[in-house]
């Protein structure tokens, strides 16, 4: 069995090959189960790893939705494991494998949740890979670069990159979640209307209580 282990904190990955006798320790474990890394390799002793997926000898992926070791045919929609939706709203019946690890699993994907204290794993915890892409969300970009509200996000980022390196290749950023001035005005107007409606209702309630001497 091949074990692909990822360490998201450092954006690093490493693969381990384990023999049949060693992989029997993992039989019966399910997706999202956490266990000691010593079951995979002595290098990972003392660390905590979590199963996140895998596939069998024919590439059929495991799904966390079914607690079984067998293959099953499910009606899958967009976002489900084992189905890439090409058209909006289209569902397909696809073969997937249950979430329990068995002798038919060829590749198992795990995540290093907590490394062992005072111990490094070569090629995994001692390597830090830089991010290849910037975030696309406007709010995240502004927080990352400290961009003022009045500045344009893309122009500001390009200016910073040019200051550090004149020959640098400028990234093509497609920003999402930009709140325009018109949008801000609509939000402010909606909030003002909601507040005015709330005050009117409270005034009507007070008038009713005064008129009939009833406490609502």
N, C-alpha and C. Protein backbone atom coordinates (compact mmCIF):
# COMPACT_ATOMS: atom_id res chain seq x y z
N UNK A 1 0.84 -1.19 0.00
CA UNK A 1 0.00 0.00 0.00
C UNK A 1 0.88 1.25 0.00
N UNK A 2 0.44 2.24 -0.74
CA UNK A 2 1.14 3.52 -0.79
C UNK A 2 0.41 4.52 0.10
N UNK A 3 1.16 5.21 0.95
CA UNK A 3 0.60 6.22 1.85
C UNK A 3 1.09 7.59 1.41
N UNK A 4 0.17 8.46 1.02
CA UNK A 4 0.50 9.85 0.72
C UNK A 4 0.17 10.69 1.95
N UNK A 5 1.19 11.28 2.56
CA UNK A 5 0.97 12.08 3.76
C UNK A 5 1.27 13.54 3.46
N UNK A 6 0.35 14.42 3.85
CA UNK A 6 0.49 15.86 3.61
C UNK A 6 0.59 16.60 4.94
N UNK A 7 1.36 17.67 4.92
CA UNK A 7 1.49 18.55 6.09
C UNK A 7 1.09 19.96 5.65
N UNK A 8 -0.21 20.32 5.75
CA UNK A 8 -0.70 21.59 5.21
C UNK A 8 -0.02 22.82 5.78
N UNK A 9 0.47 22.75 7.03
CA UNK A 9 1.12 23.90 7.65
C UNK A 9 2.32 24.36 6.83
N UNK A 10 3.09 23.40 6.31
CA UNK A 10 4.27 23.72 5.50
C UNK A 10 4.04 23.53 4.00
N UNK A 11 2.81 23.12 3.63
CA UNK A 11 2.47 22.84 2.23
C UNK A 11 3.38 21.77 1.63
N UNK A 12 3.77 20.79 2.43
CA UNK A 12 4.68 19.74 1.97
C UNK A 12 3.97 18.39 1.95
N UNK A 13 4.52 17.47 1.15
CA UNK A 13 3.96 16.13 1.01
C UNK A 13 5.08 15.10 0.94
N UNK A 14 4.74 13.88 1.32
CA UNK A 14 5.71 12.78 1.25
C UNK A 14 4.95 11.47 1.09
N UNK A 15 5.57 10.50 0.42
CA UNK A 15 4.95 9.19 0.20
C UNK A 15 5.73 8.10 0.93
N UNK A 16 4.98 7.13 1.43
CA UNK A 16 5.57 5.96 2.09
C UNK A 16 5.01 4.71 1.45
N UNK A 17 5.86 3.71 1.27
CA UNK A 17 5.43 2.39 0.79
C UNK A 17 5.48 1.43 1.97
N UNK A 18 4.35 0.80 2.28
CA UNK A 18 4.33 -0.15 3.39
C UNK A 18 3.94 -1.53 2.86
N UNK A 19 4.43 -2.56 3.52
CA UNK A 19 4.18 -3.93 3.09
C UNK A 19 2.83 -4.42 3.60
N UNK A 20 2.41 -5.58 3.08
CA UNK A 20 1.10 -6.13 3.42
C UNK A 20 0.96 -6.37 4.92
N UNK A 21 2.02 -6.86 5.55
CA UNK A 21 1.96 -7.15 6.98
C UNK A 21 1.76 -5.86 7.79
N UNK A 22 2.40 -4.77 7.34
CA UNK A 22 2.28 -3.49 8.05
C UNK A 22 0.94 -2.82 7.78
N UNK A 23 0.43 -2.98 6.56
CA UNK A 23 -0.83 -2.31 6.23
C UNK A 23 -2.03 -2.95 6.93
N UNK A 24 -1.86 -4.18 7.42
CA UNK A 24 -2.96 -4.83 8.14
C UNK A 24 -3.32 -4.08 9.42
N UNK A 25 -2.38 -3.30 9.96
CA UNK A 25 -2.69 -2.50 11.16
C UNK A 25 -3.73 -1.42 10.88
N UNK A 26 -3.83 -1.03 9.60
CA UNK A 26 -4.76 0.05 9.23
C UNK A 26 -6.14 -0.47 8.85
N UNK A 27 -6.28 -1.80 8.68
CA UNK A 27 -7.58 -2.35 8.29
C UNK A 27 -8.63 -2.04 9.36
N UNK A 28 -9.80 -1.64 8.92
CA UNK A 28 -10.88 -1.33 9.85
C UNK A 28 -10.97 0.13 10.22
N UNK A 29 -9.93 0.90 9.92
CA UNK A 29 -9.98 2.33 10.20
C UNK A 29 -10.78 3.03 9.11
N UNK A 30 -11.40 4.15 9.48
CA UNK A 30 -12.27 4.87 8.56
C UNK A 30 -11.71 6.25 8.24
N UNK A 31 -12.29 6.86 7.21
CA UNK A 31 -11.94 8.25 6.89
C UNK A 31 -12.28 9.14 8.08
N UNK A 32 -11.41 10.08 8.38
CA UNK A 32 -11.48 11.03 9.51
C UNK A 32 -10.99 10.42 10.83
N UNK A 33 -10.61 9.13 10.83
CA UNK A 33 -10.02 8.54 12.04
C UNK A 33 -8.60 9.07 12.24
N UNK A 34 -8.25 9.34 13.50
CA UNK A 34 -6.90 9.79 13.83
C UNK A 34 -6.18 8.68 14.60
N UNK A 35 -4.88 8.55 14.34
CA UNK A 35 -4.11 7.50 15.00
C UNK A 35 -2.63 7.90 15.03
N UNK A 36 -1.85 7.12 15.76
CA UNK A 36 -0.41 7.39 15.88
C UNK A 36 0.30 7.06 14.57
N UNK A 37 1.20 7.95 14.16
CA UNK A 37 1.92 7.76 12.91
C UNK A 37 2.84 6.57 12.89
N UNK A 38 3.12 5.97 14.07
CA UNK A 38 3.98 4.79 14.13
C UNK A 38 3.38 3.62 13.36
N UNK A 39 2.07 3.61 13.15
CA UNK A 39 1.43 2.54 12.37
C UNK A 39 1.87 2.58 10.91
N UNK A 40 2.29 3.76 10.46
CA UNK A 40 2.73 3.92 9.07
C UNK A 40 4.23 3.73 8.94
N UNK A 41 4.98 4.45 9.80
CA UNK A 41 6.44 4.40 9.72
C UNK A 41 7.04 4.80 11.06
N UNK A 42 8.20 4.23 11.44
CA UNK A 42 8.86 4.64 12.68
C UNK A 42 9.23 6.13 12.68
N UNK A 43 9.41 6.71 11.48
CA UNK A 43 9.72 8.15 11.38
C UNK A 43 8.61 9.01 11.98
N UNK A 44 7.37 8.52 11.89
CA UNK A 44 6.21 9.29 12.33
C UNK A 44 5.76 8.94 13.74
N UNK A 45 6.56 8.19 14.47
CA UNK A 45 6.19 7.79 15.83
C UNK A 45 5.99 9.03 16.71
N UNK A 46 4.88 9.04 17.44
CA UNK A 46 4.57 10.16 18.32
C UNK A 46 3.74 11.25 17.68
N UNK A 47 3.59 11.21 16.37
CA UNK A 47 2.78 12.21 15.67
C UNK A 47 1.36 11.68 15.46
N UNK A 48 0.43 12.59 15.23
CA UNK A 48 -0.97 12.23 15.02
C UNK A 48 -1.32 12.48 13.55
N UNK A 49 -1.85 11.46 12.88
CA UNK A 49 -2.25 11.59 11.48
C UNK A 49 -3.73 11.25 11.35
N UNK A 50 -4.33 11.75 10.27
CA UNK A 50 -5.76 11.56 10.04
C UNK A 50 -5.99 11.10 8.60
N UNK A 51 -6.84 10.10 8.43
CA UNK A 51 -7.18 9.60 7.09
C UNK A 51 -8.17 10.57 6.44
N UNK A 52 -7.88 10.96 5.20
CA UNK A 52 -8.78 11.88 4.49
C UNK A 52 -9.33 11.29 3.20
N UNK A 53 -8.78 10.16 2.75
CA UNK A 53 -9.29 9.56 1.51
C UNK A 53 -8.37 8.47 1.01
N UNK A 54 -8.65 8.05 -0.23
CA UNK A 54 -7.84 7.00 -0.84
C UNK A 54 -8.56 6.41 -2.04
N UNK A 55 -7.94 5.42 -2.66
CA UNK A 55 -8.59 4.73 -3.78
C UNK A 55 -8.08 3.29 -3.86
N UNK A 56 -8.84 2.46 -4.58
CA UNK A 56 -8.47 1.05 -4.68
C UNK A 56 -7.59 0.80 -5.91
N UNK A 57 -7.39 -0.47 -6.24
CA UNK A 57 -6.47 -0.85 -7.32
C UNK A 57 -6.95 -0.41 -8.70
N UNK A 58 -8.22 -0.03 -8.84
CA UNK A 58 -8.73 0.46 -10.13
C UNK A 58 -9.01 1.96 -10.11
N UNK A 59 -8.56 2.64 -9.06
CA UNK A 59 -8.72 4.09 -9.00
C UNK A 59 -10.07 4.56 -8.50
N UNK A 60 -10.91 3.66 -8.00
CA UNK A 60 -12.22 4.05 -7.46
C UNK A 60 -12.00 4.75 -6.11
N UNK A 61 -12.47 5.98 -5.95
CA UNK A 61 -12.18 6.73 -4.72
C UNK A 61 -13.03 6.32 -3.53
N UNK A 62 -12.50 6.57 -2.35
CA UNK A 62 -13.24 6.31 -1.11
C UNK A 62 -14.10 7.52 -0.77
N UNK A 63 -15.27 7.28 -0.20
CA UNK A 63 -16.15 8.35 0.23
C UNK A 63 -16.47 8.19 1.71
N UNK A 64 -16.52 9.30 2.42
CA UNK A 64 -16.79 9.26 3.86
C UNK A 64 -18.26 9.03 4.16
N UNK A 65 -19.12 9.09 3.13
CA UNK A 65 -20.56 9.02 3.35
C UNK A 65 -21.07 7.61 3.64
N UNK A 66 -20.28 6.57 3.27
CA UNK A 66 -20.74 5.19 3.43
C UNK A 66 -19.74 4.40 4.26
N UNK A 67 -20.18 3.85 5.39
CA UNK A 67 -19.31 3.08 6.29
C UNK A 67 -19.31 1.61 5.86
N UNK A 68 -18.54 1.31 4.82
CA UNK A 68 -18.42 -0.06 4.33
C UNK A 68 -17.06 -0.23 3.66
N UNK A 69 -16.66 -1.48 3.45
CA UNK A 69 -15.40 -1.75 2.74
C UNK A 69 -15.64 -2.04 1.27
N UNK A 70 -16.91 -2.16 0.86
CA UNK A 70 -17.25 -2.59 -0.49
C UNK A 70 -17.47 -1.40 -1.43
N UNK A 71 -17.57 -1.75 -2.71
CA UNK A 71 -17.94 -0.75 -3.71
C UNK A 71 -19.45 -0.60 -3.75
N UNK A 72 -19.89 0.61 -3.99
CA UNK A 72 -21.33 0.87 -4.09
C UNK A 72 -21.57 1.90 -5.19
N UNK A 73 -22.75 1.84 -5.79
CA UNK A 73 -23.12 2.81 -6.83
C UNK A 73 -24.08 3.82 -6.21
N UNK A 74 -23.66 5.08 -6.23
CA UNK A 74 -24.46 6.14 -5.62
C UNK A 74 -24.82 7.18 -6.66
N UNK A 75 -25.96 7.84 -6.45
CA UNK A 75 -26.37 8.95 -7.30
C UNK A 75 -25.68 10.20 -6.76
N UNK A 76 -24.68 10.68 -7.50
CA UNK A 76 -23.83 11.77 -7.03
C UNK A 76 -24.19 13.08 -7.71
N UNK A 77 -24.00 14.16 -6.98
CA UNK A 77 -24.23 15.50 -7.52
C UNK A 77 -22.96 16.33 -7.35
N UNK A 78 -23.02 17.58 -7.73
CA UNK A 78 -21.85 18.46 -7.67
C UNK A 78 -21.30 18.55 -6.25
N UNK A 79 -19.96 18.39 -6.13
CA UNK A 79 -19.32 18.46 -4.83
C UNK A 79 -19.09 17.12 -4.17
N UNK A 80 -19.74 16.05 -4.67
CA UNK A 80 -19.55 14.72 -4.09
C UNK A 80 -18.24 14.10 -4.59
N UNK A 81 -17.65 13.25 -3.76
CA UNK A 81 -16.40 12.57 -4.12
C UNK A 81 -16.69 11.56 -5.24
N UNK A 82 -15.87 11.60 -6.29
CA UNK A 82 -16.00 10.64 -7.37
C UNK A 82 -16.82 11.11 -8.55
N UNK A 83 -17.23 12.39 -8.54
CA UNK A 83 -18.02 12.91 -9.66
C UNK A 83 -17.67 14.37 -9.91
N UNK A 84 -17.25 14.65 -11.13
CA UNK A 84 -16.98 16.03 -11.53
C UNK A 84 -18.13 16.52 -12.40
N UNK A 85 -18.91 17.41 -11.85
CA UNK A 85 -20.11 17.89 -12.54
C UNK A 85 -19.73 18.79 -13.70
N UNK A 86 -20.23 18.47 -14.89
CA UNK A 86 -19.93 19.27 -16.09
C UNK A 86 -21.04 20.27 -16.39
N UNK A 87 -22.26 19.91 -16.04
CA UNK A 87 -23.39 20.80 -16.30
C UNK A 87 -24.17 21.02 -15.02
N UNK A 88 -24.68 22.20 -14.87
CA UNK A 88 -25.37 22.57 -13.64
C UNK A 88 -26.61 21.70 -13.41
N UNK A 89 -26.71 21.16 -12.21
CA UNK A 89 -27.89 20.39 -11.82
C UNK A 89 -27.90 18.94 -12.27
N UNK A 90 -26.89 18.51 -13.04
CA UNK A 90 -26.87 17.14 -13.55
C UNK A 90 -26.29 16.21 -12.49
N UNK A 91 -26.96 15.09 -12.25
CA UNK A 91 -26.47 14.07 -11.32
C UNK A 91 -26.18 12.78 -12.08
N UNK A 92 -25.23 12.01 -11.56
CA UNK A 92 -24.83 10.77 -12.21
C UNK A 92 -24.69 9.66 -11.17
N UNK A 93 -24.98 8.44 -11.61
CA UNK A 93 -24.76 7.28 -10.73
C UNK A 93 -23.35 6.76 -10.99
N UNK A 94 -22.53 6.82 -9.96
CA UNK A 94 -21.12 6.46 -10.08
C UNK A 94 -20.74 5.42 -9.03
N UNK A 95 -19.68 4.67 -9.33
CA UNK A 95 -19.16 3.68 -8.38
C UNK A 95 -18.14 4.33 -7.47
N UNK A 96 -18.33 4.19 -6.18
CA UNK A 96 -17.37 4.67 -5.18
C UNK A 96 -17.15 3.55 -4.16
N UNK A 97 -16.14 3.73 -3.36
CA UNK A 97 -15.84 2.73 -2.33
C UNK A 97 -16.11 3.32 -0.96
N UNK A 98 -16.50 2.47 -0.01
CA UNK A 98 -16.81 2.93 1.35
C UNK A 98 -15.61 3.52 2.07
N UNK A 99 -15.87 4.05 3.26
CA UNK A 99 -14.84 4.79 3.99
C UNK A 99 -13.91 3.92 4.83
N UNK A 100 -14.18 2.61 4.91
CA UNK A 100 -13.38 1.72 5.76
C UNK A 100 -12.20 1.14 4.97
N UNK A 101 -11.01 1.19 5.54
CA UNK A 101 -9.80 0.69 4.89
C UNK A 101 -9.80 -0.83 4.90
N UNK A 102 -9.49 -1.42 3.74
CA UNK A 102 -9.44 -2.88 3.62
C UNK A 102 -8.24 -3.28 2.77
N UNK A 103 -8.11 -4.58 2.49
CA UNK A 103 -6.98 -5.06 1.70
C UNK A 103 -7.09 -4.68 0.23
N UNK A 104 -8.22 -4.12 -0.19
CA UNK A 104 -8.40 -3.71 -1.59
C UNK A 104 -7.97 -2.26 -1.83
N UNK A 105 -7.63 -1.55 -0.77
CA UNK A 105 -7.18 -0.16 -0.91
C UNK A 105 -5.72 -0.16 -1.32
N UNK A 106 -5.40 0.54 -2.41
CA UNK A 106 -4.04 0.59 -2.93
C UNK A 106 -3.31 1.86 -2.48
N UNK A 107 -4.03 2.98 -2.44
CA UNK A 107 -3.44 4.27 -2.05
C UNK A 107 -4.29 4.88 -0.95
N UNK A 108 -3.63 5.34 0.10
CA UNK A 108 -4.32 5.97 1.23
C UNK A 108 -3.75 7.37 1.43
N UNK A 109 -4.64 8.35 1.52
CA UNK A 109 -4.23 9.74 1.71
C UNK A 109 -4.46 10.13 3.16
N UNK A 110 -3.42 10.62 3.82
CA UNK A 110 -3.53 11.04 5.22
C UNK A 110 -2.93 12.43 5.39
N UNK A 111 -3.31 13.08 6.49
CA UNK A 111 -2.82 14.42 6.81
C UNK A 111 -2.13 14.37 8.17
N UNK A 112 -0.99 15.03 8.27
CA UNK A 112 -0.28 15.12 9.55
C UNK A 112 -0.94 16.22 10.37
N UNK A 113 -1.70 15.82 11.39
CA UNK A 113 -2.44 16.77 12.23
C UNK A 113 -1.53 17.43 13.25
N UNK A 114 -0.73 16.63 13.93
CA UNK A 114 0.18 17.15 14.96
C UNK A 114 1.49 16.37 14.93
N UNK A 115 2.60 17.02 14.55
CA UNK A 115 3.88 16.31 14.53
C UNK A 115 4.40 16.03 15.93
N UNK A 116 5.29 15.06 16.03
CA UNK A 116 5.88 14.71 17.33
C UNK A 116 6.77 15.85 17.81
N UNK A 117 6.73 16.10 19.12
CA UNK A 117 7.51 17.20 19.70
C UNK A 117 9.01 16.88 19.63
N UNK A 118 9.77 17.89 19.20
CA UNK A 118 11.22 17.75 19.13
C UNK A 118 11.72 16.75 18.12
N UNK A 119 10.89 16.44 17.12
CA UNK A 119 11.27 15.45 16.12
C UNK A 119 10.84 15.95 14.74
N UNK A 120 11.73 15.85 13.77
CA UNK A 120 11.41 16.28 12.41
C UNK A 120 11.37 15.08 11.49
N UNK A 121 10.51 15.17 10.49
CA UNK A 121 10.41 14.13 9.46
C UNK A 121 11.03 14.69 8.19
N UNK A 122 12.06 14.04 7.72
CA UNK A 122 12.79 14.54 6.55
C UNK A 122 11.88 14.61 5.33
N UNK A 123 11.88 15.78 4.69
CA UNK A 123 11.06 15.98 3.49
C UNK A 123 9.62 16.33 3.78
N UNK A 124 9.25 16.42 5.06
CA UNK A 124 7.87 16.73 5.41
C UNK A 124 7.77 17.92 6.36
N UNK A 125 8.30 17.78 7.57
CA UNK A 125 8.21 18.88 8.55
C UNK A 125 9.40 19.83 8.49
N UNK A 126 10.49 19.41 7.83
CA UNK A 126 11.65 20.30 7.74
C UNK A 126 11.68 21.10 6.44
N UNK A 127 10.63 20.98 5.63
CA UNK A 127 10.54 21.69 4.35
C UNK A 127 9.34 22.63 4.38
N UNK A 128 9.56 23.87 3.99
CA UNK A 128 8.47 24.85 3.90
C UNK A 128 8.38 25.31 2.45
N UNK A 129 7.26 25.02 1.81
CA UNK A 129 7.08 25.42 0.42
C UNK A 129 6.26 26.71 0.36
N UNK A 130 6.73 27.63 -0.46
CA UNK A 130 6.03 28.91 -0.60
C UNK A 130 4.72 28.72 -1.35
N UNK A 131 3.78 29.60 -1.06
CA UNK A 131 2.49 29.56 -1.76
C UNK A 131 2.70 29.95 -3.22
N UNK A 132 2.08 29.20 -4.10
CA UNK A 132 2.24 29.47 -5.53
C UNK A 132 1.27 30.53 -6.04
N UNK A 133 0.15 30.73 -5.32
CA UNK A 133 -0.85 31.69 -5.78
C UNK A 133 -1.28 32.60 -4.62
N UNK A 134 -1.64 33.80 -4.99
CA UNK A 134 -2.21 34.73 -4.01
C UNK A 134 -3.68 34.40 -3.82
N UNK A 135 -4.26 34.75 -2.67
CA UNK A 135 -5.71 34.56 -2.51
C UNK A 135 -6.48 35.46 -3.46
N UNK A 136 -7.69 35.09 -3.81
CA UNK A 136 -8.49 35.87 -4.75
C UNK A 136 -9.47 36.81 -4.05
N UNK A 137 -9.76 36.52 -2.80
CA UNK A 137 -10.73 37.33 -2.08
C UNK A 137 -10.15 38.72 -1.77
N UNK A 138 -10.90 39.76 -2.09
CA UNK A 138 -10.44 41.14 -1.88
C UNK A 138 -10.10 41.40 -0.42
N UNK A 139 -10.93 40.90 0.48
CA UNK A 139 -10.72 41.12 1.91
C UNK A 139 -9.40 40.50 2.38
N UNK A 140 -9.09 39.28 1.89
CA UNK A 140 -7.86 38.59 2.29
C UNK A 140 -6.62 39.30 1.73
N UNK A 141 -6.73 39.78 0.48
CA UNK A 141 -5.60 40.49 -0.12
C UNK A 141 -5.30 41.79 0.62
N UNK A 142 -6.35 42.51 1.00
CA UNK A 142 -6.15 43.77 1.73
C UNK A 142 -5.52 43.52 3.09
N UNK A 143 -5.93 42.43 3.75
CA UNK A 143 -5.35 42.11 5.05
C UNK A 143 -3.89 41.66 4.91
N UNK A 144 -3.58 40.92 3.84
CA UNK A 144 -2.22 40.41 3.64
C UNK A 144 -1.22 41.52 3.35
N UNK A 145 -1.61 42.49 2.49
CA UNK A 145 -0.69 43.55 2.08
C UNK A 145 -0.93 44.87 2.82
N UNK A 146 -1.94 44.91 3.70
CA UNK A 146 -2.23 46.15 4.42
C UNK A 146 -2.68 47.26 3.49
N UNK A 147 -3.56 46.94 2.55
CA UNK A 147 -4.00 47.91 1.54
C UNK A 147 -5.08 48.82 2.13
N UNK A 148 -4.92 50.15 2.04
CA UNK A 148 -5.96 51.07 2.53
C UNK A 148 -7.25 50.95 1.72
N UNK A 149 -8.34 51.41 2.29
CA UNK A 149 -9.66 51.30 1.65
C UNK A 149 -9.72 52.06 0.33
N UNK A 150 -9.06 53.23 0.28
CA UNK A 150 -9.17 54.08 -0.91
C UNK A 150 -8.31 53.59 -2.08
N UNK A 151 -7.37 52.66 -1.82
CA UNK A 151 -6.47 52.17 -2.86
C UNK A 151 -7.09 51.02 -3.65
N UNK A 152 -6.73 50.94 -4.96
CA UNK A 152 -7.14 49.81 -5.79
C UNK A 152 -6.24 48.62 -5.46
N UNK A 153 -6.84 47.47 -5.24
CA UNK A 153 -6.09 46.30 -4.75
C UNK A 153 -5.01 45.85 -5.73
N UNK A 154 -5.38 45.64 -6.99
CA UNK A 154 -4.43 45.12 -7.99
C UNK A 154 -3.29 46.09 -8.22
N UNK A 155 -3.61 47.38 -8.40
CA UNK A 155 -2.58 48.39 -8.64
C UNK A 155 -1.60 48.48 -7.48
N UNK A 156 -2.13 48.39 -6.27
CA UNK A 156 -1.29 48.48 -5.07
C UNK A 156 -0.32 47.30 -4.99
N UNK A 157 -0.83 46.09 -5.25
CA UNK A 157 0.02 44.89 -5.20
C UNK A 157 1.10 44.94 -6.27
N UNK A 158 0.71 45.34 -7.50
CA UNK A 158 1.69 45.45 -8.58
C UNK A 158 2.77 46.48 -8.25
N UNK A 159 2.37 47.57 -7.62
CA UNK A 159 3.33 48.62 -7.25
C UNK A 159 4.35 48.11 -6.23
N UNK A 160 3.86 47.33 -5.25
CA UNK A 160 4.75 46.75 -4.24
C UNK A 160 5.75 45.78 -4.88
N UNK A 161 5.25 44.94 -5.79
CA UNK A 161 6.13 43.97 -6.45
C UNK A 161 7.19 44.67 -7.30
N UNK A 162 6.79 45.74 -8.01
CA UNK A 162 7.72 46.50 -8.84
C UNK A 162 8.79 47.20 -8.00
N UNK A 163 8.43 47.64 -6.80
CA UNK A 163 9.40 48.30 -5.93
C UNK A 163 10.50 47.33 -5.48
N UNK A 164 10.13 46.09 -5.24
CA UNK A 164 11.11 45.09 -4.80
C UNK A 164 11.94 44.54 -5.96
N UNK A 165 11.31 44.38 -7.12
CA UNK A 165 12.01 43.83 -8.28
C UNK A 165 11.39 44.40 -9.55
N UNK A 166 12.16 45.21 -10.27
CA UNK A 166 11.63 45.87 -11.46
C UNK A 166 11.32 44.89 -12.58
N UNK A 167 12.04 43.77 -12.62
CA UNK A 167 11.86 42.79 -13.70
C UNK A 167 10.91 41.65 -13.31
N UNK A 168 10.25 41.78 -12.18
CA UNK A 168 9.36 40.71 -11.71
C UNK A 168 8.14 40.58 -12.62
N UNK A 169 7.67 39.35 -12.78
CA UNK A 169 6.46 39.08 -13.57
C UNK A 169 5.26 39.37 -12.68
N UNK A 170 4.40 40.26 -13.13
CA UNK A 170 3.24 40.65 -12.33
C UNK A 170 2.17 39.57 -12.39
N UNK A 171 1.61 39.16 -11.27
CA UNK A 171 0.58 38.12 -11.27
C UNK A 171 -0.75 38.63 -11.82
N UNK A 172 -1.45 37.75 -12.51
CA UNK A 172 -2.79 38.08 -12.99
C UNK A 172 -3.80 37.69 -11.91
N UNK A 173 -4.37 38.68 -11.28
CA UNK A 173 -5.26 38.44 -10.14
C UNK A 173 -6.70 38.73 -10.55
N UNK A 174 -7.55 37.71 -10.42
CA UNK A 174 -8.99 37.90 -10.65
C UNK A 174 -9.65 38.00 -9.28
N UNK A 175 -9.90 39.21 -8.85
CA UNK A 175 -10.38 39.45 -7.49
C UNK A 175 -11.87 39.15 -7.39
N UNK A 176 -12.25 38.52 -6.29
CA UNK A 176 -13.66 38.26 -6.01
C UNK A 176 -14.05 38.96 -4.70
N UNK A 177 -15.33 39.17 -4.54
CA UNK A 177 -15.83 39.76 -3.29
C UNK A 177 -15.55 41.24 -3.14
N UNK A 178 -15.39 41.95 -4.28
CA UNK A 178 -15.15 43.40 -4.20
C UNK A 178 -16.46 44.11 -3.92
N UNK A 179 -16.47 44.95 -2.90
CA UNK A 179 -17.66 45.71 -2.53
C UNK A 179 -17.53 47.10 -3.14
N UNK A 180 -18.33 47.38 -4.19
CA UNK A 180 -18.27 48.68 -4.86
C UNK A 180 -18.96 49.75 -4.03
N UNK A 181 -18.77 51.01 -4.44
CA UNK A 181 -19.39 52.12 -3.73
C UNK A 181 -20.91 52.05 -3.82
N UNK A 182 -21.40 51.65 -4.99
CA UNK A 182 -22.86 51.50 -5.18
C UNK A 182 -23.42 50.43 -4.25
N UNK A 183 -22.67 49.33 -4.12
CA UNK A 183 -23.08 48.24 -3.23
C UNK A 183 -23.11 48.70 -1.78
N UNK A 184 -22.09 49.48 -1.39
CA UNK A 184 -22.05 50.00 -0.03
C UNK A 184 -23.24 50.90 0.27
N UNK A 185 -23.61 51.72 -0.72
CA UNK A 185 -24.76 52.62 -0.55
C UNK A 185 -26.06 51.83 -0.39
N UNK A 186 -26.19 50.75 -1.18
CA UNK A 186 -27.39 49.90 -1.07
C UNK A 186 -27.48 49.25 0.30
N UNK A 187 -26.33 48.77 0.80
CA UNK A 187 -26.30 48.13 2.12
C UNK A 187 -26.67 49.12 3.21
N UNK A 188 -26.10 50.35 3.10
CA UNK A 188 -26.39 51.39 4.09
C UNK A 188 -27.87 51.78 4.05
N UNK A 189 -28.43 51.87 2.84
CA UNK A 189 -29.84 52.23 2.69
C UNK A 189 -30.74 51.15 3.30
N UNK A 190 -30.40 49.88 3.03
CA UNK A 190 -31.19 48.77 3.56
C UNK A 190 -31.15 48.75 5.09
N UNK A 191 -29.98 49.00 5.64
CA UNK A 191 -29.86 49.03 7.10
C UNK A 191 -30.66 50.18 7.71
N UNK A 192 -30.61 51.35 7.03
CA UNK A 192 -31.36 52.51 7.52
C UNK A 192 -32.86 52.24 7.49
N UNK A 193 -33.33 51.61 6.40
CA UNK A 193 -34.76 51.27 6.29
C UNK A 193 -35.17 50.27 7.37
N UNK A 194 -34.30 49.30 7.63
CA UNK A 194 -34.59 48.29 8.65
C UNK A 194 -34.66 48.93 10.04
N UNK A 195 -33.73 49.86 10.30
CA UNK A 195 -33.71 50.54 11.59
C UNK A 195 -34.95 51.42 11.77
N UNK A 196 -35.35 52.13 10.68
CA UNK A 196 -36.54 52.99 10.74
C UNK A 196 -37.80 52.16 10.98
N UNK A 197 -37.87 50.98 10.32
CA UNK A 197 -39.02 50.10 10.50
C UNK A 197 -39.09 49.58 11.93
N UNK A 198 -37.92 49.27 12.50
CA UNK A 198 -37.86 48.78 13.88
C UNK A 198 -38.35 49.85 14.86
N UNK A 199 -37.90 51.10 14.64
CA UNK A 199 -38.32 52.21 15.51
C UNK A 199 -39.82 52.45 15.41
N UNK A 200 -40.37 52.36 14.18
CA UNK A 200 -41.81 52.56 13.98
C UNK A 200 -42.62 51.49 14.71
N UNK A 201 -42.15 50.23 14.65
CA UNK A 201 -42.84 49.14 15.33
C UNK A 201 -42.81 49.31 16.85
N UNK A 202 -41.67 49.76 17.37
CA UNK A 202 -41.56 50.00 18.81
C UNK A 202 -42.47 51.14 19.25
N UNK A 203 -42.58 52.17 18.39
CA UNK A 203 -43.46 53.31 18.70
C UNK A 203 -44.92 52.86 18.71
N UNK A 204 -45.31 52.03 17.73
CA UNK A 204 -46.68 51.51 17.68
C UNK A 204 -46.98 50.64 18.90
N UNK A 205 -45.99 49.84 19.29
CA UNK A 205 -46.16 48.98 20.46
C UNK A 205 -46.37 49.81 21.73
N UNK A 206 -45.55 50.86 21.89
CA UNK A 206 -45.68 51.73 23.07
C UNK A 206 -47.03 52.43 23.09
N UNK A 207 -47.47 52.88 21.92
CA UNK A 207 -48.77 53.57 21.82
C UNK A 207 -49.92 52.62 22.18
N UNK A 208 -49.83 51.37 21.69
CA UNK A 208 -50.87 50.38 21.98
C UNK A 208 -50.92 50.07 23.48
N UNK A 209 -49.75 49.91 24.10
CA UNK A 209 -49.69 49.61 25.53
C UNK A 209 -50.25 50.76 26.36
N UNK A 210 -49.97 52.00 25.93
CA UNK A 210 -50.47 53.18 26.66
C UNK A 210 -51.99 53.29 26.51
N UNK A 211 -52.48 53.01 25.31
CA UNK A 211 -53.91 53.18 25.02
C UNK A 211 -54.77 52.16 25.77
N UNK A 212 -54.32 50.89 25.80
CA UNK A 212 -55.14 49.83 26.38
C UNK A 212 -54.63 49.36 27.74
N UNK A 213 -53.53 49.91 28.20
CA UNK A 213 -53.01 49.53 29.51
C UNK A 213 -52.57 48.08 29.59
N UNK A 214 -52.05 47.56 28.47
CA UNK A 214 -51.60 46.16 28.41
C UNK A 214 -50.09 46.15 28.17
N UNK A 215 -49.40 45.27 28.89
CA UNK A 215 -47.95 45.12 28.71
C UNK A 215 -47.69 43.93 27.80
N UNK A 216 -47.18 44.20 26.60
CA UNK A 216 -46.91 43.13 25.63
C UNK A 216 -45.53 42.53 25.84
